[in-house]
Amino acid sequence: MGQYLGLPGLILALPMTAILKVVFDAVEGLRPYGFLIGEAEKPRPPIKSWQQLTDQLPGRIKKVGKVDPKSVVAPT
């Protein structure tokens, strides 16, 4: 879109996409298209202290680096 409308097109592309997302999510038949544009992540509860943060970090790190052994292909 930016090629056709130049700088104003680049600036307007984000709000236009957001409007389309809201419309797609509101209309039952268009919900799959809204999903393709993107789904919001589930909000996490706020961390209120450094202690909570340090308690949660090891669990979050394990989730990020977790690999399913069945999906790993051995090098040949």
PDB file of N, CA and C in Angstrom:
ATOM      1  N   MET A   1       0.825  -1.189   0.000  1.00  0.00           N
ATOM      2  CA  MET A   1       0.000   0.000   0.000  1.00  0.00           C
ATOM      3  C   MET A   1       0.864   1.246   0.000  1.00  0.00           C
ATOM      4  N   GLY A   2       2.011   1.214   0.629  1.00  0.00           N
ATOM      5  CA  GLY A   2       2.881   2.368   0.696  1.00  0.00           C
ATOM      6  C   GLY A   2       3.401   2.799  -0.664  1.00  0.00           C
ATOM      7  N   GLN A   3       3.536   1.843  -1.592  1.00  0.00           N
ATOM      8  CA  GLN A   3       4.010   2.194  -2.922  1.00  0.00           C
ATOM      9  C   GLN A   3       3.007   3.076  -3.645  1.00  0.00           C
ATOM     10  N   TYR A   4       1.749   2.844  -3.439  1.00  0.00           N
ATOM     11  CA  TYR A   4       0.714   3.564  -4.170  1.00  0.00           C
ATOM     12  C   TYR A   4       0.397   4.925  -3.563  1.00  0.00           C
ATOM     13  N   LEU A   5       0.419   5.003  -2.269  1.00  0.00           N
ATOM     14  CA  LEU A   5       0.025   6.245  -1.608  1.00  0.00           C
ATOM     15  C   LEU A   5       1.195   7.001  -0.990  1.00  0.00           C
ATOM     16  N   GLY A   6       2.395   6.462  -1.082  1.00  0.00           N
ATOM     17  CA  GLY A   6       3.561   7.133  -0.538  1.00  0.00           C
ATOM     18  C   GLY A   6       3.572   7.145   0.980  1.00  0.00           C
ATOM     19  N   LEU A   7       4.141   8.168   1.552  1.00  0.00           N
ATOM     20  CA  LEU A   7       4.264   8.284   3.002  1.00  0.00           C
ATOM     21  C   LEU A   7       2.904   8.315   3.713  1.00  0.00           C
ATOM     22  N   PRO A   8       1.907   9.042   3.180  1.00  0.00           N
ATOM     23  CA  PRO A   8       0.601   8.989   3.852  1.00  0.00           C
ATOM     24  C   PRO A   8       0.012   7.567   3.882  1.00  0.00           C
ATOM     25  N   GLY A   9       0.269   6.798   2.825  1.00  0.00           N
ATOM     26  CA  GLY A   9      -0.208   5.415   2.801  1.00  0.00           C
ATOM     27  C   GLY A   9       0.441   4.567   3.863  1.00  0.00           C
ATOM     28  N   LEU A  10       1.734   4.789   4.077  1.00  0.00           N
ATOM     29  CA  LEU A  10       2.428   4.046   5.127  1.00  0.00           C
ATOM     30  C   LEU A  10       1.886   4.395   6.500  1.00  0.00           C
ATOM     31  N   ILE A  11       1.574   5.666   6.695  1.00  0.00           N
ATOM     32  CA  ILE A  11       1.060   6.110   7.991  1.00  0.00           C
ATOM     33  C   ILE A  11      -0.363   5.593   8.215  1.00  0.00           C
ATOM     34  N   LEU A  12      -1.183   5.555   7.157  1.00  0.00           N
ATOM     35  CA  LEU A  12      -2.576   5.132   7.294  1.00  0.00           C
ATOM     36  C   LEU A  12      -2.761   3.617   7.271  1.00  0.00           C
ATOM     37  N   ALA A  13      -1.756   2.867   6.854  1.00  0.00           N
ATOM     38  CA  ALA A  13      -1.901   1.414   6.740  1.00  0.00           C
ATOM     39  C   ALA A  13      -2.188   0.763   8.096  1.00  0.00           C
ATOM     40  N   LEU A  14      -1.534   1.199   9.137  1.00  0.00           N
ATOM     41  CA  LEU A  14      -1.739   0.592  10.457  1.00  0.00           C
ATOM     42  C   LEU A  14      -3.148   0.836  10.995  1.00  0.00           C
ATOM     43  N   PRO A  15      -3.655   2.068  11.000  1.00  0.00           N
ATOM     44  CA  PRO A  15      -5.028   2.257  11.487  1.00  0.00           C
ATOM     45  C   PRO A  15      -6.062   1.541  10.616  1.00  0.00           C
ATOM     46  N   MET A  16      -5.822   1.502   9.302  1.00  0.00           N
ATOM     47  CA  MET A  16      -6.778   0.804   8.423  1.00  0.00           C
ATOM     48  C   MET A  16      -6.786  -0.689   8.719  1.00  0.00           C
ATOM     49  N   THR A  17      -5.627  -1.260   8.979  1.00  0.00           N
ATOM     50  CA  THR A  17      -5.544  -2.678   9.332  1.00  0.00           C
ATOM     51  C   THR A  17      -6.236  -2.933  10.666  1.00  0.00           C
ATOM     52  N   ALA A  18      -6.071  -2.037  11.618  1.00  0.00           N
ATOM     53  CA  ALA A  18      -6.723  -2.187  12.920  1.00  0.00           C
ATOM     54  C   ALA A  18      -8.244  -2.124  12.776  1.00  0.00           C
ATOM     55  N   ILE A  19      -8.724  -1.228  11.933  1.00  0.00           N
ATOM     56  CA  ILE A  19     -10.171  -1.128  11.706  1.00  0.00           C
ATOM     57  C   ILE A  19     -10.693  -2.406  11.058  1.00  0.00           C
ATOM     58  N   LEU A  20      -9.963  -2.930  10.073  1.00  0.00           N
ATOM     59  CA  LEU A  20     -10.370  -4.186   9.439  1.00  0.00           C
ATOM     60  C   LEU A  20     -10.407  -5.324  10.458  1.00  0.00           C
ATOM     61  N   LYS A  21      -9.416  -5.364  11.347  1.00  0.00           N
ATOM     62  CA  LYS A  21      -9.366  -6.410  12.381  1.00  0.00           C
ATOM     63  C   LYS A  21     -10.597  -6.348  13.279  1.00  0.00           C
ATOM     64  N   VAL A  22     -10.993  -5.162  13.688  1.00  0.00           N
ATOM     65  CA  VAL A  22     -12.172  -5.007  14.545  1.00  0.00           C
ATOM     66  C   VAL A  22     -13.428  -5.458  13.807  1.00  0.00           C
ATOM     67  N   VAL A  23     -13.547  -5.075  12.547  1.00  0.00           N
ATOM     68  CA  VAL A  23     -14.725  -5.470  11.761  1.00  0.00           C
ATOM     69  C   VAL A  23     -14.744  -6.978  11.561  1.00  0.00           C
ATOM     70  N   PHE A  24     -13.604  -7.559  11.205  1.00  0.00           N
ATOM     71  CA  PHE A  24     -13.545  -9.001  10.980  1.00  0.00           C
ATOM     72  C   PHE A  24     -13.891  -9.775  12.246  1.00  0.00           C
ATOM     73  N   ASP A  25     -13.444  -9.295  13.392  1.00  0.00           N
ATOM     74  CA  ASP A  25     -13.739  -9.981  14.652  1.00  0.00           C
ATOM     75  C   ASP A  25     -15.206  -9.831  15.054  1.00  0.00           C
ATOM     76  N   ALA A  26     -15.863  -8.768  14.608  1.00  0.00           N
ATOM     77  CA  ALA A  26     -17.251  -8.519  14.990  1.00  0.00           C
ATOM     78  C   ALA A  26     -18.238  -9.297  14.123  1.00  0.00           C
ATOM     79  N   VAL A  27     -17.870  -9.603  12.886  1.00  0.00           N
ATOM     80  CA  VAL A  27     -18.774 -10.297  11.956  1.00  0.00           C
ATOM     81  C   VAL A  27     -18.433 -11.785  11.985  1.00  0.00           C
ATOM     82  N   GLU A  28     -19.428 -12.606  12.308  1.00  0.00           N
ATOM     83  CA  GLU A  28     -19.209 -14.042  12.492  1.00  0.00           C
ATOM     84  C   GLU A  28     -18.554 -14.693  11.270  1.00  0.00           C
ATOM     85  N   GLY A  29     -19.012 -14.390  10.090  1.00  0.00           N
ATOM     86  CA  GLY A  29     -18.476 -15.023   8.890  1.00  0.00           C
ATOM     87  C   GLY A  29     -17.070 -14.583   8.532  1.00  0.00           C
ATOM     88  N   LEU A  30     -16.620 -13.465   9.086  1.00  0.00           N
ATOM     89  CA  LEU A  30     -15.293 -12.931   8.763  1.00  0.00           C
ATOM     90  C   LEU A  30     -14.259 -13.210   9.854  1.00  0.00           C
ATOM     91  N   ARG A  31     -14.649 -13.900  10.918  1.00  0.00           N
ATOM     92  CA  ARG A  31     -13.723 -14.148  12.032  1.00  0.00           C
ATOM     93  C   ARG A  31     -12.449 -14.882  11.620  1.00  0.00           C
ATOM     94  N   PRO A  32     -12.514 -15.831  10.683  1.00  0.00           N
ATOM     95  CA  PRO A  32     -11.245 -16.461  10.270  1.00  0.00           C
ATOM     96  C   PRO A  32     -10.240 -15.453   9.705  1.00  0.00           C
ATOM     97  N   TYR A  33     -10.722 -14.437   9.005  1.00  0.00           N
ATOM     98  CA  TYR A  33      -9.828 -13.416   8.468  1.00  0.00           C
ATOM     99  C   TYR A  33      -9.253 -12.553   9.592  1.00  0.00           C
ATOM    100  N   GLY A  34     -10.049 -12.297  10.599  1.00  0.00           N
ATOM    101  CA  GLY A  34      -9.547 -11.574  11.760  1.00  0.00           C
ATOM    102  C   GLY A  34      -8.465 -12.360  12.479  1.00  0.00           C
ATOM    103  N   PHE A  35      -8.637 -13.676  12.521  1.00  0.00           N
ATOM    104  CA  PHE A  35      -7.622 -14.526  13.131  1.00  0.00           C
ATOM    105  C   PHE A  35      -6.319 -14.472  12.331  1.00  0.00           C
ATOM    106  N   LEU A  36      -6.437 -14.441  11.006  1.00  0.00           N
ATOM    107  CA  LEU A  36      -5.239 -14.379  10.169  1.00  0.00           C
ATOM    108  C   LEU A  36      -4.464 -13.076  10.367  1.00  0.00           C
ATOM    109  N   ILE A  37      -5.181 -11.995  10.620  1.00  0.00           N
ATOM    110  CA  ILE A  37      -4.495 -10.729  10.867  1.00  0.00           C
ATOM    111  C   ILE A  37      -3.702 -10.828  12.171  1.00  0.00           C
ATOM    112  N   GLY A  38      -4.234 -11.545  13.151  1.00  0.00           N
ATOM    113  CA  GLY A  38      -3.486 -11.746  14.390  1.00  0.00           C
ATOM    114  C   GLY A  38      -4.395 -11.786  15.594  1.00  0.00           C
ATOM    115  N   GLU A  39      -4.030 -12.625  16.530  1.00  0.00           N
ATOM    116  CA  GLU A  39      -4.752 -12.721  17.786  1.00  0.00           C
ATOM    117  C   GLU A  39      -3.915 -12.085  18.886  1.00  0.00           C
ATOM    118  N   ALA A  40      -4.558 -11.408  19.791  1.00  0.00           N
ATOM    119  CA  ALA A  40      -3.860 -10.809  20.923  1.00  0.00           C
ATOM    120  C   ALA A  40      -3.440 -11.908  21.893  1.00  0.00           C
ATOM    121  N   GLU A  41      -2.294 -11.702  22.523  1.00  0.00           N
ATOM    122  CA  GLU A  41      -1.844 -12.649  23.537  1.00  0.00           C
ATOM    123  C   GLU A  41      -2.703 -12.495  24.777  1.00  0.00           C
ATOM    124  N   LYS A  42      -2.798 -13.581  25.536  1.00  0.00           N
ATOM    125  CA  LYS A  42      -3.523 -13.502  26.797  1.00  0.00           C
ATOM    126  C   LYS A  42      -2.730 -12.620  27.754  1.00  0.00           C
ATOM    127  N   PRO A  43      -3.403 -11.698  28.417  1.00  0.00           N
ATOM    128  CA  PRO A  43      -2.661 -10.826  29.329  1.00  0.00           C
ATOM    129  C   PRO A  43      -2.141 -11.591  30.535  1.00  0.00           C
ATOM    130  N   ARG A  44      -0.950 -11.252  30.942  1.00  0.00           N
ATOM    131  CA  ARG A  44      -0.366 -11.866  32.131  1.00  0.00           C
ATOM    132  C   ARG A  44      -0.675 -10.993  33.327  1.00  0.00           C
ATOM    133  N   PRO A  45      -0.774 -11.595  34.491  1.00  0.00           N
ATOM    134  CA  PRO A  45      -0.992 -10.764  35.685  1.00  0.00           C
ATOM    135  C   PRO A  45       0.232  -9.894  35.943  1.00  0.00           C
ATOM    136  N   PRO A  46       0.030  -8.695  36.449  1.00  0.00           N
ATOM    137  CA  PRO A  46       1.167  -7.801  36.678  1.00  0.00           C
ATOM    138  C   PRO A  46       2.097  -8.333  37.770  1.00  0.00           C
ATOM    139  N   ILE A  47       3.363  -8.073  37.599  1.00  0.00           N
ATOM    140  CA  ILE A  47       4.361  -8.451  38.601  1.00  0.00           C
ATOM    141  C   ILE A  47       4.541  -7.249  39.525  1.00  0.00           C
ATOM    142  N   LYS A  48       4.295  -7.464  40.794  1.00  0.00           N
ATOM    143  CA  LYS A  48       4.265  -6.354  41.738  1.00  0.00           C
ATOM    144  C   LYS A  48       5.557  -6.165  42.525  1.00  0.00           C
ATOM    145  N   SER A  49       6.453  -7.156  42.482  1.00  0.00           N
ATOM    146  CA  SER A  49       7.692  -6.995  43.245  1.00  0.00           C
ATOM    147  C   SER A  49       8.828  -7.742  42.545  1.00  0.00           C
ATOM    148  N   TRP A  50      10.052  -7.404  42.933  1.00  0.00           N
ATOM    149  CA  TRP A  50      11.214  -8.093  42.378  1.00  0.00           C
ATOM    150  C   TRP A  50      11.199  -9.564  42.765  1.00  0.00           C
ATOM    151  N   GLN A  51      10.678  -9.879  43.914  1.00  0.00           N
ATOM    152  CA  GLN A  51      10.630 -11.266  44.371  1.00  0.00           C
ATOM    153  C   GLN A  51       9.733 -12.098  43.464  1.00  0.00           C
ATOM    154  N   GLN A  52       8.573 -11.559  43.094  1.00  0.00           N
ATOM    155  CA  GLN A  52       7.694 -12.271  42.165  1.00  0.00           C
ATOM    156  C   GLN A  52       8.385 -12.491  40.827  1.00  0.00           C
ATOM    157  N   LEU A  53       9.105 -11.496  40.359  1.00  0.00           N
ATOM    158  CA  LEU A  53       9.806 -11.614  39.087  1.00  0.00           C
ATOM    159  C   LEU A  53      10.858 -12.719  39.141  1.00  0.00           C
ATOM    160  N   THR A  54      11.656 -12.723  40.190  1.00  0.00           N
ATOM    161  CA  THR A  54      12.702 -13.744  40.294  1.00  0.00           C
ATOM    162  C   THR A  54      12.104 -15.131  40.494  1.00  0.00           C
ATOM    163  N   ASP A  55      10.935 -15.218  41.106  1.00  0.00           N
ATOM    164  CA  ASP A  55      10.283 -16.520  41.268  1.00  0.00           C
ATOM    165  C   ASP A  55       9.729 -17.040  39.942  1.00  0.00           C
ATOM    166  N   GLN A  56       9.264 -16.134  39.075  1.00  0.00           N
ATOM    167  CA  GLN A  56       8.635 -16.555  37.821  1.00  0.00           C
ATOM    168  C   GLN A  56       9.633 -16.785  36.695  1.00  0.00           C
ATOM    169  N   LEU A  57      10.801 -16.150  36.744  1.00  0.00           N
ATOM    170  CA  LEU A  57      11.739 -16.249  35.628  1.00  0.00           C
ATOM    171  C   LEU A  57      12.182 -17.674  35.297  1.00  0.00           C
ATOM    172  N   PRO A  58      12.539 -18.514  36.270  1.00  0.00           N
ATOM    173  CA  PRO A  58      12.976 -19.868  35.892  1.00  0.00           C
ATOM    174  C   PRO A  58      11.906 -20.646  35.120  1.00  0.00           C
ATOM    175  N   GLY A  59      10.652 -20.525  35.488  1.00  0.00           N
ATOM    176  CA  GLY A  59       9.587 -21.215  34.773  1.00  0.00           C
ATOM    177  C   GLY A  59       9.392 -20.680  33.371  1.00  0.00           C
ATOM    178  N   ARG A  60       9.493 -19.360  33.205  1.00  0.00           N
ATOM    179  CA  ARG A  60       9.341 -18.759  31.884  1.00  0.00           C
ATOM    180  C   ARG A  60      10.503 -19.138  30.980  1.00  0.00           C
ATOM    181  N   ILE A  61      11.701 -19.198  31.523  1.00  0.00           N
ATOM    182  CA  ILE A  61      12.871 -19.550  30.717  1.00  0.00           C
ATOM    183  C   ILE A  61      12.760 -20.997  30.253  1.00  0.00           C
ATOM    184  N   LYS A  62      12.292 -21.877  31.116  1.00  0.00           N
ATOM    185  CA  LYS A  62      12.142 -23.282  30.724  1.00  0.00           C
ATOM    186  C   LYS A  62      11.146 -23.427  29.588  1.00  0.00           C
ATOM    187  N   LYS A  63      10.082 -22.637  29.575  1.00  0.00           N
ATOM    188  CA  LYS A  63       9.082 -22.716  28.513  1.00  0.00           C
ATOM    189  C   LYS A  63       9.659 -22.241  27.180  1.00  0.00           C
ATOM    190  N   VAL A  64      10.508 -21.225  27.212  1.00  0.00           N
ATOM    191  CA  VAL A  64      11.060 -20.670  25.983  1.00  0.00           C
ATOM    192  C   VAL A  64      12.001 -21.669  25.321  1.00  0.00           C
ATOM    193  N   GLY A  65      12.843 -22.316  26.088  1.00  0.00           N
ATOM    194  CA  GLY A  65      13.837 -23.211  25.517  1.00  0.00           C
ATOM    195  C   GLY A  65      13.392 -24.655  25.407  1.00  0.00           C
ATOM    196  N   LYS A  66      12.114 -24.941  25.645  1.00  0.00           N
ATOM    197  CA  LYS A  66      11.635 -26.321  25.667  1.00  0.00           C
ATOM    198  C   LYS A  66      11.535 -26.881  24.244  1.00  0.00           C
ATOM    199  N   VAL A  67      12.122 -28.062  24.032  1.00  0.00           N
ATOM    200  CA  VAL A  67      12.086 -28.721  22.725  1.00  0.00           C
ATOM    201  C   VAL A  67      11.513 -30.107  22.914  1.00  0.00           C
ATOM    202  N   ASP A  68      10.587 -30.476  22.045  1.00  0.00           N
ATOM    203  CA  ASP A  68       9.985 -31.792  22.084  1.00  0.00           C
ATOM    204  C   ASP A  68      10.976 -32.794  21.476  1.00  0.00           C
ATOM    205  N   PRO A  69      11.441 -33.798  22.241  1.00  0.00           N
ATOM    206  CA  PRO A  69      12.443 -34.727  21.712  1.00  0.00           C
ATOM    207  C   PRO A  69      11.945 -35.507  20.486  1.00  0.00           C
ATOM    208  N   LYS A  70      10.645 -35.701  20.364  1.00  0.00           N
ATOM    209  CA  LYS A  70      10.104 -36.436  19.224  1.00  0.00           C
ATOM    210  C   LYS A  70      10.238 -35.648  17.926  1.00  0.00           C
ATOM    211  N   SER A  71      10.291 -34.327  18.020  1.00  0.00           N
ATOM    212  CA  SER A  71      10.345 -33.514  16.811  1.00  0.00           C
ATOM    213  C   SER A  71      11.777 -33.232  16.351  1.00  0.00           C
ATOM    214  N   VAL A  72      12.757 -33.640  17.148  1.00  0.00           N
ATOM    215  CA  VAL A  72      14.158 -33.393  16.778  1.00  0.00           C
ATOM    216  C   VAL A  72      14.621 -34.479  15.823  1.00  0.00           C
ATOM    217  N   VAL A  73      15.241 -34.052  14.711  1.00  0.00           N
ATOM    218  CA  VAL A  73      15.755 -34.986  13.727  1.00  0.00           C
ATOM    219  C   VAL A  73      17.257 -35.082  13.916  1.00  0.00           C
ATOM    220  N   ALA A  74      17.751 -36.317  14.030  1.00  0.00           N
ATOM    221  CA  ALA A  74      19.179 -36.514  14.233  1.00  0.00           C
ATOM    222  C   ALA A  74      19.940 -36.207  12.954  1.00  0.00           C
ATOM    223  N   PRO A  75      21.085 -35.528  13.059  1.00  0.00           N
ATOM    224  CA  PRO A  75      21.868 -35.246  11.846  1.00  0.00           C
ATOM    225  C   PRO A  75      22.428 -36.525  11.249  1.00  0.00           C
ATOM    226  N   THR A  76      22.485 -36.559   9.941  1.00  0.00           N
ATOM    227  CA  THR A  76      23.010 -37.752   9.270  1.00  0.00           C
ATOM    228  C   THR A  76      24.263 -37.421   8.497  1.00  0.00           C
TER     229      THR A  76
END
